[in-house]
Amino acid sequence: MVLQYKKKSANRWKKYPGKDKVEGDIHDYDFRLLDKDKSKVLVEKDTYEKVMKRFRQIEFFKSKET
């Protein structure tokens, strides 16, 4: 899965480098989650906390299947 972010006023999504490397406050950004091929949006534009909650849910159920 690929986590992307952008400033709320920006148009272009960027690959998320990590919480420490984001300039400014994390609440000034929108986040989204894509599959690894970047062909399907798993979580539309939302806050960091909500996107990460869904990311953990997906990872949990993915590990349960194997």
PDB file of N, CA and C in Angstrom:
ATOM      1  N   MET A   1       0.830  -1.180   0.000  1.00  0.00           N
ATOM      2  CA  MET A   1       0.000   0.000   0.000  1.00  0.00           C
ATOM      3  C   MET A   1       0.876   1.245   0.000  1.00  0.00           C
ATOM      4  N   VAL A   2       0.329   2.280  -0.584  1.00  0.00           N
ATOM      5  CA  VAL A   2       1.055   3.533  -0.731  1.00  0.00           C
ATOM      6  C   VAL A   2       0.272   4.633  -0.027  1.00  0.00           C
ATOM      7  N   LEU A   3       0.949   5.342   0.858  1.00  0.00           N
ATOM      8  CA  LEU A   3       0.345   6.469   1.559  1.00  0.00           C
ATOM      9  C   LEU A   3       0.818   7.744   0.885  1.00  0.00           C
ATOM     10  N   GLN A   4      -0.136   8.593   0.502  1.00  0.00           N
ATOM     11  CA  GLN A   4       0.188   9.863  -0.133  1.00  0.00           C
ATOM     12  C   GLN A   4      -0.374  11.002   0.699  1.00  0.00           C
ATOM     13  N   TYR A   5       0.211  12.190   0.530  1.00  0.00           N
ATOM     14  CA  TYR A   5      -0.241  13.367   1.261  1.00  0.00           C
ATOM     15  C   TYR A   5      -0.135  14.595   0.385  1.00  0.00           C
ATOM     16  N   LYS A   6      -0.870  15.643   0.764  1.00  0.00           N
ATOM     17  CA  LYS A   6      -0.773  16.943   0.098  1.00  0.00           C
ATOM     18  C   LYS A   6      -1.271  18.008   1.051  1.00  0.00           C
ATOM     19  N   LYS A   7      -0.772  19.211   0.883  1.00  0.00           N
ATOM     20  CA  LYS A   7      -1.288  20.338   1.658  1.00  0.00           C
ATOM     21  C   LYS A   7      -2.735  20.543   1.264  1.00  0.00           C
ATOM     22  N   LYS A   8      -3.555  20.988   2.193  1.00  0.00           N
ATOM     23  CA  LYS A   8      -4.978  21.155   1.910  1.00  0.00           C
ATOM     24  C   LYS A   8      -5.226  22.123   0.769  1.00  0.00           C
ATOM     25  N   SER A   9      -4.335  23.068   0.555  1.00  0.00           N
ATOM     26  CA  SER A   9      -4.505  24.040  -0.523  1.00  0.00           C
ATOM     27  C   SER A   9      -3.867  23.586  -1.839  1.00  0.00           C
ATOM     28  N   ALA A  10      -3.085  22.508  -1.829  1.00  0.00           N
ATOM     29  CA  ALA A  10      -2.375  22.048  -3.023  1.00  0.00           C
ATOM     30  C   ALA A  10      -3.264  21.127  -3.861  1.00  0.00           C
ATOM     31  N   ASN A  11      -2.827  20.876  -5.087  1.00  0.00           N
ATOM     32  CA  ASN A  11      -3.556  20.001  -5.997  1.00  0.00           C
ATOM     33  C   ASN A  11      -2.878  18.653  -6.186  1.00  0.00           C
ATOM     34  N   ARG A  12      -1.582  18.601  -6.010  1.00  0.00           N
ATOM     35  CA  ARG A  12      -0.810  17.415  -6.362  1.00  0.00           C
ATOM     36  C   ARG A  12      -0.489  16.554  -5.147  1.00  0.00           C
ATOM     37  N   TRP A  13      -0.695  15.235  -5.273  1.00  0.00           N
ATOM     38  CA  TRP A  13      -0.377  14.284  -4.206  1.00  0.00           C
ATOM     39  C   TRP A  13       1.089  13.908  -4.274  1.00  0.00           C
ATOM     40  N   LYS A  14       1.716  13.687  -3.125  1.00  0.00           N
ATOM     41  CA  LYS A  14       3.123  13.282  -3.038  1.00  0.00           C
ATOM     42  C   LYS A  14       3.217  12.008  -2.213  1.00  0.00           C
ATOM     43  N   LYS A  15       4.263  11.248  -2.431  1.00  0.00           N
ATOM     44  CA  LYS A  15       4.499  10.055  -1.628  1.00  0.00           C
ATOM     45  C   LYS A  15       4.877  10.496  -0.210  1.00  0.00           C
ATOM     46  N   TYR A  16       4.300   9.843   0.770  1.00  0.00           N
ATOM     47  CA  TYR A  16       4.507  10.222   2.173  1.00  0.00           C
ATOM     48  C   TYR A  16       5.892   9.788   2.647  1.00  0.00           C
ATOM     49  N   PRO A  17       6.745  10.746   3.064  1.00  0.00           N
ATOM     50  CA  PRO A  17       8.113  10.407   3.465  1.00  0.00           C
ATOM     51  C   PRO A  17       8.253   9.960   4.922  1.00  0.00           C
ATOM     52  N   GLY A  18       7.246  10.177   5.737  1.00  0.00           N
ATOM     53  CA  GLY A  18       7.321   9.863   7.160  1.00  0.00           C
ATOM     54  C   GLY A  18       6.913  11.068   7.976  1.00  0.00           C
ATOM     55  N   LYS A  19       6.394  10.809   9.157  1.00  0.00           N
ATOM     56  CA  LYS A  19       5.848  11.878   9.992  1.00  0.00           C
ATOM     57  C   LYS A  19       6.908  12.905  10.374  1.00  0.00           C
ATOM     58  N   ASP A  20       8.146  12.476  10.562  1.00  0.00           N
ATOM     59  CA  ASP A  20       9.217  13.384  10.977  1.00  0.00           C
ATOM     60  C   ASP A  20       9.646  14.335   9.863  1.00  0.00           C
ATOM     61  N   LYS A  21       9.465  13.935   8.598  1.00  0.00           N
ATOM     62  CA  LYS A  21       9.967  14.724   7.478  1.00  0.00           C
ATOM     63  C   LYS A  21       8.937  15.652   6.864  1.00  0.00           C
ATOM     64  N   VAL A  22       7.711  15.633   7.358  1.00  0.00           N
ATOM     65  CA  VAL A  22       6.676  16.527   6.847  1.00  0.00           C
ATOM     66  C   VAL A  22       6.866  17.904   7.475  1.00  0.00           C
ATOM     67  N   GLU A  23       6.878  18.918   6.611  1.00  0.00           N
ATOM     68  CA  GLU A  23       7.063  20.285   7.098  1.00  0.00           C
ATOM     69  C   GLU A  23       5.763  20.796   7.702  1.00  0.00           C
ATOM     70  N   GLY A  24       5.833  21.413   8.846  1.00  0.00           N
ATOM     71  CA  GLY A  24       4.652  21.977   9.484  1.00  0.00           C
ATOM     72  C   GLY A  24       3.861  20.938  10.258  1.00  0.00           C
ATOM     73  N   ASP A  25       2.648  21.317  10.606  1.00  0.00           N
ATOM     74  CA  ASP A  25       1.770  20.456  11.402  1.00  0.00           C
ATOM     75  C   ASP A  25       1.081  19.430  10.506  1.00  0.00           C
ATOM     76  N   ILE A  26       0.964  18.222  10.992  1.00  0.00           N
ATOM     77  CA  ILE A  26       0.361  17.126  10.220  1.00  0.00           C
ATOM     78  C   ILE A  26      -1.121  17.372   9.945  1.00  0.00           C
ATOM     79  N   HIS A  27      -1.753  18.244  10.740  1.00  0.00           N
ATOM     80  CA  HIS A  27      -3.174  18.542  10.547  1.00  0.00           C
ATOM     81  C   HIS A  27      -3.420  19.513   9.396  1.00  0.00           C
ATOM     82  N   ASP A  28      -2.352  20.053   8.807  1.00  0.00           N
ATOM     83  CA  ASP A  28      -2.476  20.949   7.659  1.00  0.00           C
ATOM     84  C   ASP A  28      -2.494  20.189   6.342  1.00  0.00           C
ATOM     85  N   TYR A  29      -2.467  18.854   6.397  1.00  0.00           N
ATOM     86  CA  TYR A  29      -2.374  18.020   5.205  1.00  0.00           C
ATOM     87  C   TYR A  29      -3.561  17.070   5.092  1.00  0.00           C
ATOM     88  N   ASP A  30      -3.843  16.649   3.849  1.00  0.00           N
ATOM     89  CA  ASP A  30      -4.800  15.586   3.573  1.00  0.00           C
ATOM     90  C   ASP A  30      -4.001  14.340   3.214  1.00  0.00           C
ATOM     91  N   PHE A  31      -4.550  13.183   3.529  1.00  0.00           N
ATOM     92  CA  PHE A  31      -3.884  11.914   3.261  1.00  0.00           C
ATOM     93  C   PHE A  31      -4.821  10.990   2.508  1.00  0.00           C
ATOM     94  N   ARG A  32      -4.251  10.056   1.757  1.00  0.00           N
ATOM     95  CA  ARG A  32      -5.033   9.012   1.118  1.00  0.00           C
ATOM     96  C   ARG A  32      -4.187   7.750   1.018  1.00  0.00           C
ATOM     97  N   LEU A  33      -4.863   6.628   0.851  1.00  0.00           N
ATOM     98  CA  LEU A  33      -4.202   5.330   0.802  1.00  0.00           C
ATOM     99  C   LEU A  33      -4.553   4.643  -0.511  1.00  0.00           C
ATOM    100  N   LEU A  34      -3.522   4.184  -1.221  1.00  0.00           N
ATOM    101  CA  LEU A  34      -3.692   3.493  -2.498  1.00  0.00           C
ATOM    102  C   LEU A  34      -3.166   2.075  -2.390  1.00  0.00           C
ATOM    103  N   ASP A  35      -3.594   1.203  -3.313  1.00  0.00           N
ATOM    104  CA  ASP A  35      -2.994  -0.125  -3.344  1.00  0.00           C
ATOM    105  C   ASP A  35      -1.577   0.001  -3.898  1.00  0.00           C
ATOM    106  N   LYS A  36      -0.813  -1.094  -3.871  1.00  0.00           N
ATOM    107  CA  LYS A  36       0.608  -0.988  -4.234  1.00  0.00           C
ATOM    108  C   LYS A  36       0.836  -0.644  -5.699  1.00  0.00           C
ATOM    109  N   ASP A  37      -0.143  -0.912  -6.578  1.00  0.00           N
ATOM    110  CA  ASP A  37      -0.020  -0.567  -7.990  1.00  0.00           C
ATOM    111  C   ASP A  37      -0.484   0.858  -8.288  1.00  0.00           C
ATOM    112  N   LYS A  38      -0.991   1.528  -7.268  1.00  0.00           N
ATOM    113  CA  LYS A  38      -1.532   2.889  -7.376  1.00  0.00           C
ATOM    114  C   LYS A  38      -2.690   2.958  -8.368  1.00  0.00           C
ATOM    115  N   SER A  39      -3.430   1.856  -8.519  1.00  0.00           N
ATOM    116  CA  SER A  39      -4.545   1.835  -9.448  1.00  0.00           C
ATOM    117  C   SER A  39      -5.887   1.958  -8.746  1.00  0.00           C
ATOM    118  N   LYS A  40      -5.920   1.689  -7.440  1.00  0.00           N
ATOM    119  CA  LYS A  40      -7.175   1.723  -6.705  1.00  0.00           C
ATOM    120  C   LYS A  40      -6.998   2.531  -5.423  1.00  0.00           C
ATOM    121  N   VAL A  41      -7.899   3.458  -5.186  1.00  0.00           N
ATOM    122  CA  VAL A  41      -7.871   4.259  -3.959  1.00  0.00           C
ATOM    123  C   VAL A  41      -8.584   3.472  -2.871  1.00  0.00           C
ATOM    124  N   LEU A  42      -7.868   3.134  -1.797  1.00  0.00           N
ATOM    125  CA  LEU A  42      -8.442   2.380  -0.693  1.00  0.00           C
ATOM    126  C   LEU A  42      -9.112   3.289   0.320  1.00  0.00           C
ATOM    127  N   VAL A  43      -8.537   4.461   0.542  1.00  0.00           N
ATOM    128  CA  VAL A  43      -9.126   5.454   1.443  1.00  0.00           C
ATOM    129  C   VAL A  43      -9.037   6.804   0.744  1.00  0.00           C
ATOM    130  N   GLU A  44     -10.191   7.428   0.570  1.00  0.00           N
ATOM    131  CA  GLU A  44     -10.221   8.758  -0.034  1.00  0.00           C
ATOM    132  C   GLU A  44      -9.572   9.773   0.900  1.00  0.00           C
ATOM    133  N   LYS A  45      -9.484  10.994   0.466  1.00  0.00           N
ATOM    134  CA  LYS A  45      -8.885  12.097   1.222  1.00  0.00           C
ATOM    135  C   LYS A  45      -9.482  12.182   2.624  1.00  0.00           C
ATOM    136  N   ASP A  46      -8.609  12.115   3.646  1.00  0.00           N
ATOM    137  CA  ASP A  46      -9.060  12.152   5.036  1.00  0.00           C
ATOM    138  C   ASP A  46      -7.904  12.578   5.930  1.00  0.00           C
ATOM    139  N   THR A  47      -8.124  12.570   7.250  1.00  0.00           N
ATOM    140  CA  THR A  47      -7.080  12.939   8.201  1.00  0.00           C
ATOM    141  C   THR A  47      -6.078  11.802   8.358  1.00  0.00           C
ATOM    142  N   TYR A  48      -4.928  12.121   8.891  1.00  0.00           N
ATOM    143  CA  TYR A  48      -3.871  11.133   9.103  1.00  0.00           C
ATOM    144  C   TYR A  48      -4.351  10.001  10.013  1.00  0.00           C
ATOM    145  N   GLU A  49      -5.037  10.345  11.088  1.00  0.00           N
ATOM    146  CA  GLU A  49      -5.480   9.341  12.053  1.00  0.00           C
ATOM    147  C   GLU A  49      -6.457   8.353  11.425  1.00  0.00           C
ATOM    148  N   LYS A  50      -7.412   8.849  10.646  1.00  0.00           N
ATOM    149  CA  LYS A  50      -8.407   7.972  10.029  1.00  0.00           C
ATOM    150  C   LYS A  50      -7.796   7.082   8.954  1.00  0.00           C
ATOM    151  N   VAL A  51      -6.870   7.630   8.183  1.00  0.00           N
ATOM    152  CA  VAL A  51      -6.217   6.835   7.140  1.00  0.00           C
ATOM    153  C   VAL A  51      -5.353   5.746   7.776  1.00  0.00           C
ATOM    154  N   MET A  52      -4.622   6.082   8.831  1.00  0.00           N
ATOM    155  CA  MET A  52      -3.773   5.081   9.482  1.00  0.00           C
ATOM    156  C   MET A  52      -4.609   4.021  10.191  1.00  0.00           C
ATOM    157  N   LYS A  53      -5.765   4.388  10.720  1.00  0.00           N
ATOM    158  CA  LYS A  53      -6.653   3.406  11.336  1.00  0.00           C
ATOM    159  C   LYS A  53      -7.100   2.386  10.296  1.00  0.00           C
ATOM    160  N   ARG A  54      -7.478   2.847   9.120  1.00  0.00           N
ATOM    161  CA  ARG A  54      -7.893   1.942   8.040  1.00  0.00           C
ATOM    162  C   ARG A  54      -6.714   1.117   7.546  1.00  0.00           C
ATOM    163  N   PHE A  55      -5.534   1.698   7.473  1.00  0.00           N
ATOM    164  CA  PHE A  55      -4.330   0.973   7.064  1.00  0.00           C
ATOM    165  C   PHE A  55      -4.072  -0.202   8.007  1.00  0.00           C
ATOM    166  N   ARG A  56      -4.179   0.046   9.317  1.00  0.00           N
ATOM    167  CA  ARG A  56      -3.963  -1.027  10.294  1.00  0.00           C
ATOM    168  C   ARG A  56      -5.027  -2.104  10.185  1.00  0.00           C
ATOM    169  N   GLN A  57      -6.278  -1.729   9.891  1.00  0.00           N
ATOM    170  CA  GLN A  57      -7.335  -2.717   9.706  1.00  0.00           C
ATOM    171  C   GLN A  57      -7.045  -3.612   8.512  1.00  0.00           C
ATOM    172  N   ILE A  58      -6.623  -3.025   7.428  1.00  0.00           N
ATOM    173  CA  ILE A  58      -6.312  -3.799   6.222  1.00  0.00           C
ATOM    174  C   ILE A  58      -5.150  -4.747   6.492  1.00  0.00           C
ATOM    175  N   GLU A  59      -4.094  -4.255   7.135  1.00  0.00           N
ATOM    176  CA  GLU A  59      -2.945  -5.099   7.451  1.00  0.00           C
ATOM    177  C   GLU A  59      -3.324  -6.240   8.388  1.00  0.00           C
ATOM    178  N   PHE A  60      -4.192  -5.986   9.349  1.00  0.00           N
ATOM    179  CA  PHE A  60      -4.617  -7.007  10.286  1.00  0.00           C
ATOM    180  C   PHE A  60      -5.349  -8.128   9.573  1.00  0.00           C
ATOM    181  N   PHE A  61      -6.292  -7.779   8.720  1.00  0.00           N
ATOM    182  CA  PHE A  61      -7.070  -8.809   8.012  1.00  0.00           C
ATOM    183  C   PHE A  61      -6.248  -9.499   6.935  1.00  0.00           C
ATOM    184  N   LYS A  62      -5.264  -8.809   6.370  1.00  0.00           N
ATOM    185  CA  LYS A  62      -4.384  -9.433   5.391  1.00  0.00           C
ATOM    186  C   LYS A  62      -3.546 -10.519   6.053  1.00  0.00           C
ATOM    187  N   SER A  63      -3.078 -10.277   7.275  1.00  0.00           N
ATOM    188  CA  SER A  63      -2.266 -11.266   7.987  1.00  0.00           C
ATOM    189  C   SER A  63      -3.121 -12.414   8.510  1.00  0.00           C
ATOM    190  N   LYS A  64      -4.425 -12.191   8.747  1.00  0.00           N
ATOM    191  CA  LYS A  64      -5.321 -13.239   9.210  1.00  0.00           C
ATOM    192  C   LYS A  64      -5.591 -14.271   8.116  1.00  0.00           C
ATOM    193  N   GLU A  65      -5.554 -13.852   6.850  1.00  0.00           N
ATOM    194  CA  GLU A  65      -5.866 -14.731   5.735  1.00  0.00           C
ATOM    195  C   GLU A  65      -4.793 -15.795   5.516  1.00  0.00           C
ATOM    196  N   THR A  66      -3.571 -15.519   5.825  1.00  0.00           N
ATOM    197  CA  THR A  66      -2.489 -16.477   5.572  1.00  0.00           C
ATOM    198  C   THR A  66      -2.237 -17.388   6.726  1.00  0.00           C
TER     199      THR A  66
END
